[in-house]
Amino acid sequence: MERPPYSLSFEDIDAVAAHAFLTRAYWCEGIPLAMVERAIAHSLCIALHAQGAGQVGFARVVTDRTTFAYLCDVYVLEDHRRRGLADWMVQSLLAHPDLQGLRRFMLFTRDAYPLYARHGFKPLATPERGMEVVRPGIYLQPAPPPDA
């Protein structure tokens, strides 16, 4: 299969396409479209487009653009993997002017350690200092009534 021309964009983000993948991703299974749209609106995002196929990849950084960033929601659709495209997206995000000089840049992954290690990410130096609230499956729960 010949590689279609790819392009990256910080502006042309298709929330519906991102939602189609994220709603079945292990880290946010069942996430509502409205929540994906809101997350995109409040984050620095990049989209990977393939000629004739639309948006085939996406990544998002939650950041104050001054001291901290959190890389999340990184994906490339299955038919476009093994071409270095996730590397390209991560490299492009890390080079973004708004993400220079940050004190801390974090991410969590279940299985993509080699991808992120190539870009300087390492296991937490002091994991005993970190704490979290985790609510797995939260998007699969019924929404509370509007008047609750």
N, C-alpha and C. Protein backbone atom coordinates (compact mmCIF):
# COMPACT_ATOMS: atom_id res chain seq x y z
N MET A 1 0.86 -1.18 0.00
CA MET A 1 0.00 0.00 0.00
C MET A 1 0.89 1.24 0.00
N GLU A 2 0.63 2.14 -0.89
CA GLU A 2 1.41 3.37 -0.98
C GLU A 2 0.98 4.33 0.12
N ARG A 3 1.96 5.01 0.68
CA ARG A 3 1.70 5.96 1.76
C ARG A 3 1.03 7.21 1.21
N PRO A 4 -0.17 7.53 1.72
CA PRO A 4 -0.80 8.78 1.26
C PRO A 4 -0.08 9.97 1.86
N PRO A 5 -0.15 11.09 1.19
CA PRO A 5 0.47 12.30 1.78
C PRO A 5 -0.24 12.66 3.09
N TYR A 6 0.55 12.98 4.10
CA TYR A 6 0.03 13.35 5.40
C TYR A 6 0.35 14.80 5.69
N SER A 7 -0.47 15.41 6.53
CA SER A 7 -0.20 16.76 6.99
C SER A 7 -0.63 16.88 8.45
N LEU A 8 -0.03 17.83 9.14
CA LEU A 8 -0.38 18.12 10.53
C LEU A 8 -1.01 19.49 10.61
N SER A 9 -1.93 19.65 11.54
CA SER A 9 -2.58 20.95 11.72
C SER A 9 -2.89 21.18 13.19
N PHE A 10 -2.60 22.41 13.64
CA PHE A 10 -3.00 22.82 14.98
C PHE A 10 -4.38 23.48 14.96
N GLU A 11 -4.89 23.78 13.78
CA GLU A 11 -6.18 24.49 13.67
C GLU A 11 -7.31 23.61 13.16
N ASP A 12 -7.05 22.73 12.22
CA ASP A 12 -8.09 21.93 11.58
C ASP A 12 -8.30 20.64 12.37
N ILE A 13 -9.03 20.76 13.47
CA ILE A 13 -9.27 19.63 14.36
C ILE A 13 -10.71 19.16 14.17
N ASP A 14 -10.89 17.91 13.87
CA ASP A 14 -12.22 17.31 13.69
C ASP A 14 -12.60 16.59 14.98
N ALA A 15 -13.41 17.23 15.80
CA ALA A 15 -13.80 16.66 17.09
C ALA A 15 -14.59 15.37 16.92
N VAL A 16 -15.40 15.28 15.89
CA VAL A 16 -16.19 14.07 15.65
C VAL A 16 -15.27 12.90 15.33
N ALA A 17 -14.24 13.14 14.52
CA ALA A 17 -13.28 12.08 14.21
C ALA A 17 -12.50 11.67 15.46
N ALA A 18 -12.08 12.65 16.25
CA ALA A 18 -11.37 12.34 17.49
C ALA A 18 -12.27 11.52 18.42
N HIS A 19 -13.51 11.94 18.53
CA HIS A 19 -14.46 11.22 19.38
C HIS A 19 -14.66 9.78 18.92
N ALA A 20 -14.73 9.57 17.62
CA ALA A 20 -14.94 8.21 17.09
C ALA A 20 -13.87 7.25 17.59
N PHE A 21 -12.63 7.73 17.72
CA PHE A 21 -11.57 6.88 18.26
C PHE A 21 -11.60 6.87 19.78
N LEU A 22 -11.66 8.03 20.40
CA LEU A 22 -11.52 8.12 21.85
C LEU A 22 -12.63 7.38 22.60
N THR A 23 -13.81 7.34 22.06
CA THR A 23 -14.92 6.68 22.76
C THR A 23 -14.68 5.19 22.93
N ARG A 24 -13.75 4.62 22.15
CA ARG A 24 -13.42 3.21 22.30
C ARG A 24 -12.00 2.99 22.84
N ALA A 25 -11.29 4.06 23.19
CA ALA A 25 -9.93 3.95 23.72
C ALA A 25 -9.98 3.50 25.19
N TYR A 26 -9.01 2.72 25.61
CA TYR A 26 -9.02 2.17 26.98
C TYR A 26 -9.01 3.27 28.04
N TRP A 27 -8.45 4.43 27.74
CA TRP A 27 -8.32 5.47 28.77
C TRP A 27 -9.54 6.36 28.89
N CYS A 28 -10.46 6.32 27.95
CA CYS A 28 -11.65 7.17 28.08
C CYS A 28 -12.86 6.55 27.37
N GLU A 29 -12.98 5.26 27.49
CA GLU A 29 -14.07 4.53 26.84
C GLU A 29 -15.42 5.16 27.17
N GLY A 30 -16.20 5.41 26.11
CA GLY A 30 -17.55 5.93 26.29
C GLY A 30 -17.63 7.44 26.48
N ILE A 31 -16.54 8.17 26.33
CA ILE A 31 -16.56 9.62 26.54
C ILE A 31 -17.56 10.28 25.59
N PRO A 32 -18.40 11.16 26.09
CA PRO A 32 -19.39 11.83 25.23
C PRO A 32 -18.73 12.83 24.27
N LEU A 33 -19.33 13.01 23.11
CA LEU A 33 -18.82 13.95 22.12
C LEU A 33 -18.70 15.36 22.71
N ALA A 34 -19.68 15.81 23.46
CA ALA A 34 -19.64 17.16 24.03
C ALA A 34 -18.42 17.34 24.93
N MET A 35 -18.01 16.29 25.63
CA MET A 35 -16.85 16.37 26.49
C MET A 35 -15.56 16.44 25.66
N VAL A 36 -15.50 15.70 24.57
CA VAL A 36 -14.34 15.77 23.67
C VAL A 36 -14.24 17.18 23.07
N GLU A 37 -15.36 17.72 22.65
CA GLU A 37 -15.37 19.08 22.07
C GLU A 37 -14.87 20.10 23.09
N ARG A 38 -15.31 19.98 24.33
CA ARG A 38 -14.88 20.90 25.38
C ARG A 38 -13.39 20.74 25.69
N ALA A 39 -12.92 19.51 25.72
CA ALA A 39 -11.50 19.25 25.98
C ALA A 39 -10.64 19.85 24.87
N ILE A 40 -11.07 19.70 23.64
CA ILE A 40 -10.33 20.27 22.50
C ILE A 40 -10.29 21.79 22.59
N ALA A 41 -11.42 22.38 22.94
CA ALA A 41 -11.51 23.84 23.03
C ALA A 41 -10.57 24.42 24.08
N HIS A 42 -10.24 23.64 25.11
CA HIS A 42 -9.43 24.13 26.21
C HIS A 42 -8.02 23.54 26.24
N SER A 43 -7.58 22.99 25.14
CA SER A 43 -6.27 22.35 25.06
C SER A 43 -5.54 22.78 23.79
N LEU A 44 -4.26 22.48 23.74
CA LEU A 44 -3.47 22.65 22.52
C LEU A 44 -3.50 21.29 21.82
N CYS A 45 -4.07 21.25 20.64
CA CYS A 45 -4.27 19.98 19.93
C CYS A 45 -3.57 19.99 18.58
N ILE A 46 -3.30 18.79 18.10
CA ILE A 46 -2.74 18.61 16.76
C ILE A 46 -3.50 17.47 16.11
N ALA A 47 -3.77 17.63 14.83
CA ALA A 47 -4.46 16.59 14.07
C ALA A 47 -3.58 16.14 12.92
N LEU A 48 -3.64 14.86 12.65
CA LEU A 48 -2.94 14.24 11.53
C LEU A 48 -3.97 13.94 10.46
N HIS A 49 -3.75 14.48 9.27
CA HIS A 49 -4.67 14.26 8.16
C HIS A 49 -3.98 13.47 7.07
N ALA A 50 -4.73 12.55 6.46
CA ALA A 50 -4.25 11.79 5.30
C ALA A 50 -5.09 12.19 4.11
N GLN A 51 -4.43 12.46 3.02
CA GLN A 51 -5.15 12.87 1.81
C GLN A 51 -6.17 11.79 1.46
N GLY A 52 -7.41 12.22 1.30
CA GLY A 52 -8.49 11.31 0.95
C GLY A 52 -9.08 10.53 2.10
N ALA A 53 -8.52 10.67 3.29
CA ALA A 53 -9.02 9.90 4.43
C ALA A 53 -9.43 10.78 5.60
N GLY A 54 -9.18 12.08 5.54
CA GLY A 54 -9.54 12.97 6.64
C GLY A 54 -8.58 12.84 7.81
N GLN A 55 -9.10 13.08 9.00
CA GLN A 55 -8.27 13.05 10.21
C GLN A 55 -8.03 11.59 10.61
N VAL A 56 -6.76 11.21 10.68
CA VAL A 56 -6.40 9.83 11.01
C VAL A 56 -5.55 9.74 12.28
N GLY A 57 -5.29 10.88 12.90
CA GLY A 57 -4.53 10.89 14.14
C GLY A 57 -4.80 12.17 14.89
N PHE A 58 -4.44 12.16 16.17
CA PHE A 58 -4.77 13.29 17.03
C PHE A 58 -3.91 13.20 18.28
N ALA A 59 -3.61 14.32 18.87
CA ALA A 59 -2.97 14.38 20.18
C ALA A 59 -3.36 15.70 20.83
N ARG A 60 -3.36 15.71 22.15
CA ARG A 60 -3.82 16.87 22.90
C ARG A 60 -2.88 17.13 24.06
N VAL A 61 -2.64 18.42 24.34
CA VAL A 61 -1.84 18.82 25.49
C VAL A 61 -2.69 19.75 26.36
N VAL A 62 -2.86 19.36 27.61
CA VAL A 62 -3.52 20.20 28.60
C VAL A 62 -2.39 21.00 29.25
N THR A 63 -2.48 22.33 29.20
CA THR A 63 -1.35 23.14 29.65
C THR A 63 -1.76 24.55 30.05
N ASP A 64 -0.96 25.13 30.93
CA ASP A 64 -1.11 26.55 31.23
C ASP A 64 -0.19 27.37 30.33
N ARG A 65 0.58 26.70 29.48
CA ARG A 65 1.50 27.30 28.51
C ARG A 65 2.61 28.12 29.18
N THR A 66 2.84 27.84 30.47
CA THR A 66 3.86 28.58 31.21
C THR A 66 4.76 27.65 32.02
N THR A 67 4.15 26.75 32.80
CA THR A 67 4.96 25.90 33.68
C THR A 67 4.69 24.41 33.55
N PHE A 68 3.51 24.02 33.05
CA PHE A 68 3.11 22.62 33.10
C PHE A 68 2.36 22.21 31.84
N ALA A 69 2.54 20.94 31.46
CA ALA A 69 1.79 20.36 30.35
C ALA A 69 1.56 18.88 30.60
N TYR A 70 0.47 18.39 30.08
CA TYR A 70 0.09 16.98 30.18
C TYR A 70 -0.31 16.50 28.80
N LEU A 71 0.45 15.60 28.24
CA LEU A 71 0.18 15.04 26.91
C LEU A 71 -0.80 13.90 27.05
N CYS A 72 -1.85 13.91 26.22
CA CYS A 72 -2.86 12.86 26.32
C CYS A 72 -3.58 12.66 24.99
N ASP A 73 -4.41 11.64 24.95
CA ASP A 73 -5.29 11.35 23.82
C ASP A 73 -4.53 11.18 22.51
N VAL A 74 -3.32 10.64 22.56
CA VAL A 74 -2.52 10.44 21.36
C VAL A 74 -2.97 9.16 20.66
N TYR A 75 -3.30 9.28 19.37
CA TYR A 75 -3.62 8.07 18.60
C TYR A 75 -3.36 8.30 17.12
N VAL A 76 -3.14 7.20 16.43
CA VAL A 76 -3.11 7.13 14.97
C VAL A 76 -3.99 5.93 14.62
N LEU A 77 -4.91 6.11 13.69
CA LEU A 77 -5.78 5.00 13.31
C LEU A 77 -4.96 3.81 12.82
N GLU A 78 -5.49 2.63 13.07
CA GLU A 78 -4.79 1.37 12.81
C GLU A 78 -4.21 1.29 11.40
N ASP A 79 -4.96 1.68 10.39
CA ASP A 79 -4.50 1.57 8.99
C ASP A 79 -3.34 2.50 8.65
N HIS A 80 -2.99 3.41 9.55
CA HIS A 80 -1.94 4.40 9.28
C HIS A 80 -0.75 4.27 10.25
N ARG A 81 -0.74 3.22 11.02
CA ARG A 81 0.34 3.02 12.00
C ARG A 81 1.59 2.45 11.35
N ARG A 82 2.67 2.44 12.11
CA ARG A 82 3.97 1.90 11.70
C ARG A 82 4.61 2.71 10.58
N ARG A 83 4.37 4.01 10.59
CA ARG A 83 4.94 4.92 9.58
C ARG A 83 5.65 6.10 10.23
N GLY A 84 5.78 6.09 11.54
CA GLY A 84 6.43 7.19 12.24
C GLY A 84 5.53 8.39 12.45
N LEU A 85 4.24 8.24 12.25
CA LEU A 85 3.32 9.38 12.31
C LEU A 85 3.08 9.85 13.75
N ALA A 86 2.99 8.93 14.71
CA ALA A 86 2.84 9.35 16.11
C ALA A 86 4.09 10.09 16.56
N ASP A 87 5.27 9.61 16.15
CA ASP A 87 6.52 10.32 16.44
C ASP A 87 6.47 11.74 15.90
N TRP A 88 6.01 11.88 14.68
CA TRP A 88 5.91 13.19 14.03
C TRP A 88 4.98 14.12 14.80
N MET A 89 3.82 13.59 15.22
CA MET A 89 2.88 14.42 15.99
C MET A 89 3.49 14.86 17.31
N VAL A 90 4.08 13.92 18.05
CA VAL A 90 4.67 14.25 19.35
C VAL A 90 5.81 15.25 19.18
N GLN A 91 6.66 15.01 18.21
CA GLN A 91 7.78 15.94 17.94
C GLN A 91 7.25 17.33 17.63
N SER A 92 6.21 17.42 16.83
CA SER A 92 5.64 18.71 16.45
C SER A 92 5.01 19.41 17.64
N LEU A 93 4.35 18.67 18.50
CA LEU A 93 3.78 19.26 19.71
C LEU A 93 4.88 19.78 20.63
N LEU A 94 5.91 18.96 20.84
CA LEU A 94 6.99 19.37 21.73
C LEU A 94 7.73 20.60 21.22
N ALA A 95 7.71 20.82 19.92
CA ALA A 95 8.38 21.98 19.32
C ALA A 95 7.50 23.23 19.30
N HIS A 96 6.24 23.09 19.67
CA HIS A 96 5.32 24.24 19.62
C HIS A 96 5.84 25.37 20.51
N PRO A 97 5.81 26.60 20.04
CA PRO A 97 6.34 27.74 20.82
C PRO A 97 5.70 27.89 22.20
N ASP A 98 4.43 27.55 22.35
CA ASP A 98 3.75 27.69 23.64
C ASP A 98 4.18 26.65 24.67
N LEU A 99 4.95 25.66 24.24
CA LEU A 99 5.35 24.59 25.16
C LEU A 99 6.84 24.60 25.45
N GLN A 100 7.48 25.71 25.20
CA GLN A 100 8.92 25.83 25.47
C GLN A 100 9.14 26.36 26.88
N GLY A 101 10.16 25.85 27.55
CA GLY A 101 10.54 26.34 28.87
C GLY A 101 9.65 25.87 30.01
N LEU A 102 8.84 24.84 29.77
CA LEU A 102 7.97 24.33 30.83
C LEU A 102 8.80 23.60 31.89
N ARG A 103 8.38 23.71 33.12
CA ARG A 103 9.07 23.04 34.22
C ARG A 103 8.75 21.54 34.24
N ARG A 104 7.53 21.18 33.89
CA ARG A 104 7.13 19.77 33.93
C ARG A 104 6.21 19.45 32.76
N PHE A 105 6.47 18.32 32.11
CA PHE A 105 5.66 17.83 30.99
C PHE A 105 5.40 16.36 31.30
N MET A 106 4.15 15.99 31.48
CA MET A 106 3.81 14.64 31.92
C MET A 106 2.95 13.91 30.90
N LEU A 107 2.87 12.61 31.07
CA LEU A 107 1.93 11.79 30.32
C LEU A 107 1.78 10.47 31.06
N PHE A 108 0.76 9.74 30.71
CA PHE A 108 0.54 8.40 31.22
C PHE A 108 0.28 7.51 30.02
N THR A 109 0.83 6.30 30.04
CA THR A 109 0.61 5.36 28.96
C THR A 109 0.64 3.95 29.50
N ARG A 110 -0.10 3.09 28.87
CA ARG A 110 -0.11 1.68 29.26
C ARG A 110 0.94 0.91 28.48
N ASP A 111 1.20 1.32 27.23
CA ASP A 111 2.02 0.47 26.38
C ASP A 111 2.90 1.18 25.36
N ALA A 112 2.97 2.49 25.36
CA ALA A 112 3.72 3.20 24.32
C ALA A 112 5.01 3.84 24.87
N TYR A 113 5.62 3.19 25.85
CA TYR A 113 6.85 3.74 26.45
C TYR A 113 7.94 4.04 25.43
N PRO A 114 8.23 3.15 24.47
CA PRO A 114 9.30 3.45 23.51
C PRO A 114 9.04 4.72 22.69
N LEU A 115 7.79 4.95 22.30
CA LEU A 115 7.46 6.16 21.55
C LEU A 115 7.84 7.40 22.35
N TYR A 116 7.42 7.48 23.58
CA TYR A 116 7.65 8.68 24.38
C TYR A 116 9.09 8.80 24.86
N ALA A 117 9.74 7.67 25.11
CA ALA A 117 11.15 7.70 25.53
C ALA A 117 12.01 8.34 24.44
N ARG A 118 11.68 8.12 23.19
CA ARG A 118 12.44 8.74 22.08
C ARG A 118 12.37 10.26 22.13
N HIS A 119 11.39 10.79 22.85
CA HIS A 119 11.21 12.24 22.94
C HIS A 119 11.60 12.79 24.32
N GLY A 120 12.32 11.99 25.09
CA GLY A 120 12.85 12.46 26.37
C GLY A 120 12.02 12.15 27.59
N PHE A 121 10.85 11.55 27.44
CA PHE A 121 10.03 11.21 28.60
C PHE A 121 10.65 10.04 29.34
N LYS A 122 10.59 10.09 30.67
CA LYS A 122 11.15 9.04 31.53
C LYS A 122 10.13 8.70 32.61
N PRO A 123 10.29 7.54 33.25
CA PRO A 123 9.40 7.24 34.39
C PRO A 123 9.53 8.34 35.44
N LEU A 124 8.51 8.49 36.25
CA LEU A 124 8.52 9.51 37.30
C LEU A 124 9.74 9.33 38.19
N ALA A 125 10.46 10.42 38.43
CA ALA A 125 11.65 10.38 39.27
C ALA A 125 11.29 10.14 40.73
N THR A 126 10.16 10.68 41.14
CA THR A 126 9.73 10.54 42.53
C THR A 126 8.24 10.17 42.56
N PRO A 127 7.91 8.95 42.18
CA PRO A 127 6.49 8.59 42.13
C PRO A 127 5.80 8.67 43.49
N GLU A 128 6.57 8.57 44.57
CA GLU A 128 5.97 8.64 45.90
C GLU A 128 5.41 10.02 46.21
N ARG A 129 5.77 11.02 45.43
CA ARG A 129 5.24 12.38 45.64
C ARG A 129 3.91 12.59 44.92
N GLY A 130 3.64 11.75 43.94
CA GLY A 130 2.44 11.94 43.13
C GLY A 130 1.22 11.31 43.77
N MET A 131 0.09 11.90 43.50
CA MET A 131 -1.19 11.38 43.94
C MET A 131 -2.19 11.60 42.82
N GLU A 132 -3.25 10.83 42.83
CA GLU A 132 -4.24 10.99 41.79
C GLU A 132 -5.60 10.51 42.28
N VAL A 133 -6.62 10.96 41.62
CA VAL A 133 -7.97 10.45 41.77
C VAL A 133 -8.28 9.81 40.42
N VAL A 134 -8.58 8.54 40.41
CA VAL A 134 -8.86 7.83 39.16
C VAL A 134 -10.29 7.30 39.22
N ARG A 135 -11.03 7.54 38.16
CA ARG A 135 -12.42 7.07 38.08
C ARG A 135 -12.60 6.27 36.78
N PRO A 136 -12.07 5.05 36.74
CA PRO A 136 -12.21 4.26 35.51
C PRO A 136 -13.68 4.02 35.20
N GLY A 137 -14.00 4.05 33.93
CA GLY A 137 -15.37 3.79 33.51
C GLY A 137 -16.34 4.91 33.78
N ILE A 138 -15.85 6.09 34.16
CA ILE A 138 -16.76 7.19 34.52
C ILE A 138 -17.69 7.58 33.37
N TYR A 139 -17.21 7.47 32.13
CA TYR A 139 -18.02 7.88 30.99
C TYR A 139 -19.06 6.83 30.63
N LEU A 140 -18.95 5.63 31.21
CA LEU A 140 -19.91 4.57 30.94
C LEU A 140 -21.06 4.59 31.94
N GLN A 141 -20.97 5.45 32.96
CA GLN A 141 -22.02 5.58 33.97
C GLN A 141 -23.12 6.49 33.43
N PRO A 142 -24.36 6.28 33.83
CA PRO A 142 -25.44 7.18 33.42
C PRO A 142 -25.16 8.60 33.93
N ALA A 143 -25.48 9.58 33.14
CA ALA A 143 -25.30 10.98 33.54
C ALA A 143 -26.32 11.32 34.63
N PRO A 144 -25.90 12.16 35.59
CA PRO A 144 -26.86 12.56 36.64
C PRO A 144 -27.96 13.42 36.01
N PRO A 145 -29.13 13.44 36.62
CA PRO A 145 -30.20 14.29 36.09
C PRO A 145 -29.78 15.75 36.09
N PRO A 146 -30.29 16.56 35.16
CA PRO A 146 -29.88 17.98 35.05
C PRO A 146 -30.12 18.79 36.31
N ASP A 147 -31.11 18.43 37.12
CA ASP A 147 -31.42 19.23 38.32
C ASP A 147 -30.69 18.70 39.57
N ALA A 148 -29.80 17.74 39.39
CA ALA A 148 -29.09 17.16 40.56
C ALA A 148 -28.00 18.06 41.04
